[in-house]
Amino acid sequence: MSYTAGFAVMEVTVRGVLPIGDATENVTYFILDTAKSAIVGQVILPKAVKRSLAVAVTVKVPAAAGPFAIGTFDDGGNFQACSFLRVESPAVERPDGAVGPSGR
């Protein structure tokens, strides 16, 4: 996925623990802007792994997007939220301490 120059982007992190199993195929998980019902990103991860594996993947999405959900689409085109993955938005940084000129 690419973005045209001029669009503001932010990074979100997809985190979770993958299911344990013998499945070898990969699954595309879509990041959905739930306010606009629009796909804003995706990650491709294994359907299952042999032993517990935590993941943390950084994805660029449009800066004006959010709140987010992550999941797949069923054969009928309905979004199915993923129970073991979550999308973490970046924390808004707030200045601490004094801000602005001191007046002295």
C-alpha atoms as a PDB file:
ATOM      1  CA  MET A   1       0.000   0.000   0.000  1.00  0.00           C
ATOM      2  CA  SER A   2       1.391   3.406  -0.880  1.00  0.00           C
ATOM      3  CA  TYR A   3       0.337   6.968  -0.268  1.00  0.00           C
ATOM      4  CA  THR A   4       0.558   9.973  -2.548  1.00  0.00           C
ATOM      5  CA  ALA A   5       2.828  12.804  -1.435  1.00  0.00           C
ATOM      6  CA  GLY A   6       0.927  15.522   0.374  1.00  0.00           C
ATOM      7  CA  PHE A   7      -1.257  13.238   2.478  1.00  0.00           C
ATOM      8  CA  ALA A   8      -0.463  13.287   6.174  1.00  0.00           C
ATOM      9  CA  VAL A   9       0.154   9.846   7.628  1.00  0.00           C
ATOM     10  CA  MET A  10       0.620   8.431  11.090  1.00  0.00           C
ATOM     11  CA  GLU A  11       1.896   5.116  12.304  1.00  0.00           C
ATOM     12  CA  VAL A  12      -0.260   2.681  14.247  1.00  0.00           C
ATOM     13  CA  THR A  13       0.859  -0.612  15.756  1.00  0.00           C
ATOM     14  CA  VAL A  14      -0.918  -3.919  15.264  1.00  0.00           C
ATOM     15  CA  ARG A  15      -0.297  -6.093  18.345  1.00  0.00           C
ATOM     16  CA  GLY A  16      -1.413  -9.492  19.475  1.00  0.00           C
ATOM     17  CA  VAL A  17      -0.520 -13.139  20.003  1.00  0.00           C
ATOM     18  CA  LEU A  18      -1.038 -15.431  17.006  1.00  0.00           C
ATOM     19  CA  PRO A  19      -3.131 -18.601  17.374  1.00  0.00           C
ATOM     20  CA  ILE A  20      -1.278 -21.885  17.889  1.00  0.00           C
ATOM     21  CA  GLY A  21      -1.945 -24.572  15.289  1.00  0.00           C
ATOM     22  CA  ASP A  22      -0.785 -26.385  12.175  1.00  0.00           C
ATOM     23  CA  ALA A  23      -2.236 -24.082   9.500  1.00  0.00           C
ATOM     24  CA  THR A  24       0.466 -22.882   7.109  1.00  0.00           C
ATOM     25  CA  GLU A  25      -1.359 -20.292   4.997  1.00  0.00           C
ATOM     26  CA  ASN A  26      -1.198 -16.545   5.490  1.00  0.00           C
ATOM     27  CA  VAL A  27      -4.186 -14.306   6.195  1.00  0.00           C
ATOM     28  CA  THR A  28      -4.641 -10.679   5.173  1.00  0.00           C
ATOM     29  CA  TYR A  29      -6.026  -8.630   8.060  1.00  0.00           C
ATOM     30  CA  PHE A  30      -7.532  -5.275   7.129  1.00  0.00           C
ATOM     31  CA  ILE A  31      -7.334  -2.161   9.311  1.00  0.00           C
ATOM     32  CA  LEU A  32     -10.694  -0.420   9.189  1.00  0.00           C
ATOM     33  CA  ASP A  33     -11.456   3.203  10.039  1.00  0.00           C
ATOM     34  CA  THR A  34     -14.720   2.463  11.839  1.00  0.00           C
ATOM     35  CA  ALA A  35     -15.964   6.064  11.689  1.00  0.00           C
ATOM     36  CA  LYS A  36     -15.778   6.106   7.878  1.00  0.00           C
ATOM     37  CA  SER A  37     -16.160   2.353   7.221  1.00  0.00           C
ATOM     38  CA  ALA A  38     -13.032   2.550   5.078  1.00  0.00           C
ATOM     39  CA  ILE A  39     -10.026   0.243   4.777  1.00  0.00           C
ATOM     40  CA  VAL A  40      -6.919   2.260   5.677  1.00  0.00           C
ATOM     41  CA  GLY A  41      -4.256  -0.449   5.927  1.00  0.00           C
ATOM     42  CA  GLN A  42      -3.489  -4.139   6.016  1.00  0.00           C
ATOM     43  CA  VAL A  43      -1.081  -6.699   7.430  1.00  0.00           C
ATOM     44  CA  ILE A  44      -0.409 -10.259   6.290  1.00  0.00           C
ATOM     45  CA  LEU A  45       0.260 -12.742   9.085  1.00  0.00           C
ATOM     46  CA  PRO A  46       0.316 -16.539   9.466  1.00  0.00           C
ATOM     47  CA  LYS A  47      -3.068 -18.114  10.208  1.00  0.00           C
ATOM     48  CA  ALA A  48      -1.432 -20.109  13.019  1.00  0.00           C
ATOM     49  CA  VAL A  49       2.028 -20.828  14.446  1.00  0.00           C
ATOM     50  CA  LYS A  50       3.604 -23.865  16.149  1.00  0.00           C
ATOM     51  CA  ARG A  51       4.266 -22.035  19.439  1.00  0.00           C
ATOM     52  CA  SER A  52       3.152 -18.815  21.082  1.00  0.00           C
ATOM     53  CA  LEU A  53       4.282 -15.793  19.085  1.00  0.00           C
ATOM     54  CA  ALA A  54       3.576 -12.174  19.963  1.00  0.00           C
ATOM     55  CA  VAL A  55       3.551  -9.714  17.056  1.00  0.00           C
ATOM     56  CA  ALA A  56       3.945  -5.948  16.835  1.00  0.00           C
ATOM     57  CA  VAL A  57       3.761  -4.526  13.310  1.00  0.00           C
ATOM     58  CA  THR A  58       3.911  -0.810  12.491  1.00  0.00           C
ATOM     59  CA  VAL A  59       1.567   0.326   9.696  1.00  0.00           C
ATOM     60  CA  LYS A  60       1.173   3.761   8.108  1.00  0.00           C
ATOM     61  CA  VAL A  61      -2.413   5.000   7.838  1.00  0.00           C
ATOM     62  CA  PRO A  62      -3.968   8.369   6.925  1.00  0.00           C
ATOM     63  CA  ALA A  63      -3.519  10.840   9.791  1.00  0.00           C
ATOM     64  CA  ALA A  64      -7.225  11.702   9.856  1.00  0.00           C
ATOM     65  CA  ALA A  65      -8.248   8.044  10.312  1.00  0.00           C
ATOM     66  CA  GLY A  66      -9.622   6.336  13.389  1.00  0.00           C
ATOM     67  CA  PRO A  67     -10.946   4.804  15.552  1.00  0.00           C
ATOM     68  CA  PHE A  68      -9.730   1.445  14.223  1.00  0.00           C
ATOM     69  CA  ALA A  69     -10.713  -2.197  14.063  1.00  0.00           C
ATOM     70  CA  ILE A  70      -8.751  -5.080  12.547  1.00  0.00           C
ATOM     71  CA  GLY A  71     -10.131  -8.211  10.951  1.00  0.00           C
ATOM     72  CA  THR A  72     -11.068 -10.064   7.787  1.00  0.00           C
ATOM     73  CA  PHE A  73     -14.031 -10.148   5.428  1.00  0.00           C
ATOM     74  CA  ASP A  74     -16.217 -13.240   5.078  1.00  0.00           C
ATOM     75  CA  ASP A  75     -17.493 -14.585   1.749  1.00  0.00           C
ATOM     76  CA  GLY A  76     -20.506 -12.265   1.977  1.00  0.00           C
ATOM     77  CA  GLY A  77     -18.290  -9.180   2.321  1.00  0.00           C
ATOM     78  CA  ASN A  78     -19.065  -8.691   6.013  1.00  0.00           C
ATOM     79  CA  PHE A  79     -16.254  -7.464   8.258  1.00  0.00           C
ATOM     80  CA  GLN A  80     -15.270  -9.952  10.983  1.00  0.00           C
ATOM     81  CA  ALA A  81     -13.293  -8.340  13.815  1.00  0.00           C
ATOM     82  CA  CYS A  82     -10.220 -10.281  14.939  1.00  0.00           C
ATOM     83  CA  SER A  83     -10.260 -11.326  18.596  1.00  0.00           C
ATOM     84  CA  PHE A  84      -6.478 -11.751  19.023  1.00  0.00           C
ATOM     85  CA  LEU A  85      -5.187  -8.596  17.278  1.00  0.00           C
ATOM     86  CA  ARG A  86      -5.669  -4.934  18.159  1.00  0.00           C
ATOM     87  CA  VAL A  87      -4.676  -1.612  16.592  1.00  0.00           C
ATOM     88  CA  GLU A  88      -2.940   0.862  18.882  1.00  0.00           C
ATOM     89  CA  SER A  89      -3.020   4.503  17.846  1.00  0.00           C
ATOM     90  CA  PRO A  90      -0.016   6.635  18.707  1.00  0.00           C
ATOM     91  CA  ALA A  91      -0.252   8.495  21.985  1.00  0.00           C
ATOM     92  CA  VAL A  92      -0.793  12.204  21.596  1.00  0.00           C
ATOM     93  CA  GLU A  93       2.297  13.859  22.947  1.00  0.00           C
ATOM     94  CA  ARG A  94       1.560  16.668  25.345  1.00  0.00           C
ATOM     95  CA  PRO A  95       4.194  19.068  26.517  1.00  0.00           C
ATOM     96  CA  ASP A  96       5.184  18.799  30.127  1.00  0.00           C
ATOM     97  CA  GLY A  97       6.570  21.660  32.101  1.00  0.00           C
ATOM     98  CA  ALA A  98       6.499  25.307  31.098  1.00  0.00           C
ATOM     99  CA  VAL A  99       5.503  26.222  27.543  1.00  0.00           C
ATOM    100  CA  GLY A 100       6.137  29.518  25.791  1.00  0.00           C
ATOM    101  CA  PRO A 101       8.288  32.526  26.674  1.00  0.00           C
ATOM    102  CA  SER A 102       9.162  33.037  30.302  1.00  0.00           C
ATOM    103  CA  GLY A 103       8.755  36.820  30.252  1.00  0.00           C
ATOM    104  CA  ARG A 104      12.173  37.482  31.751  1.00  0.00           C
END
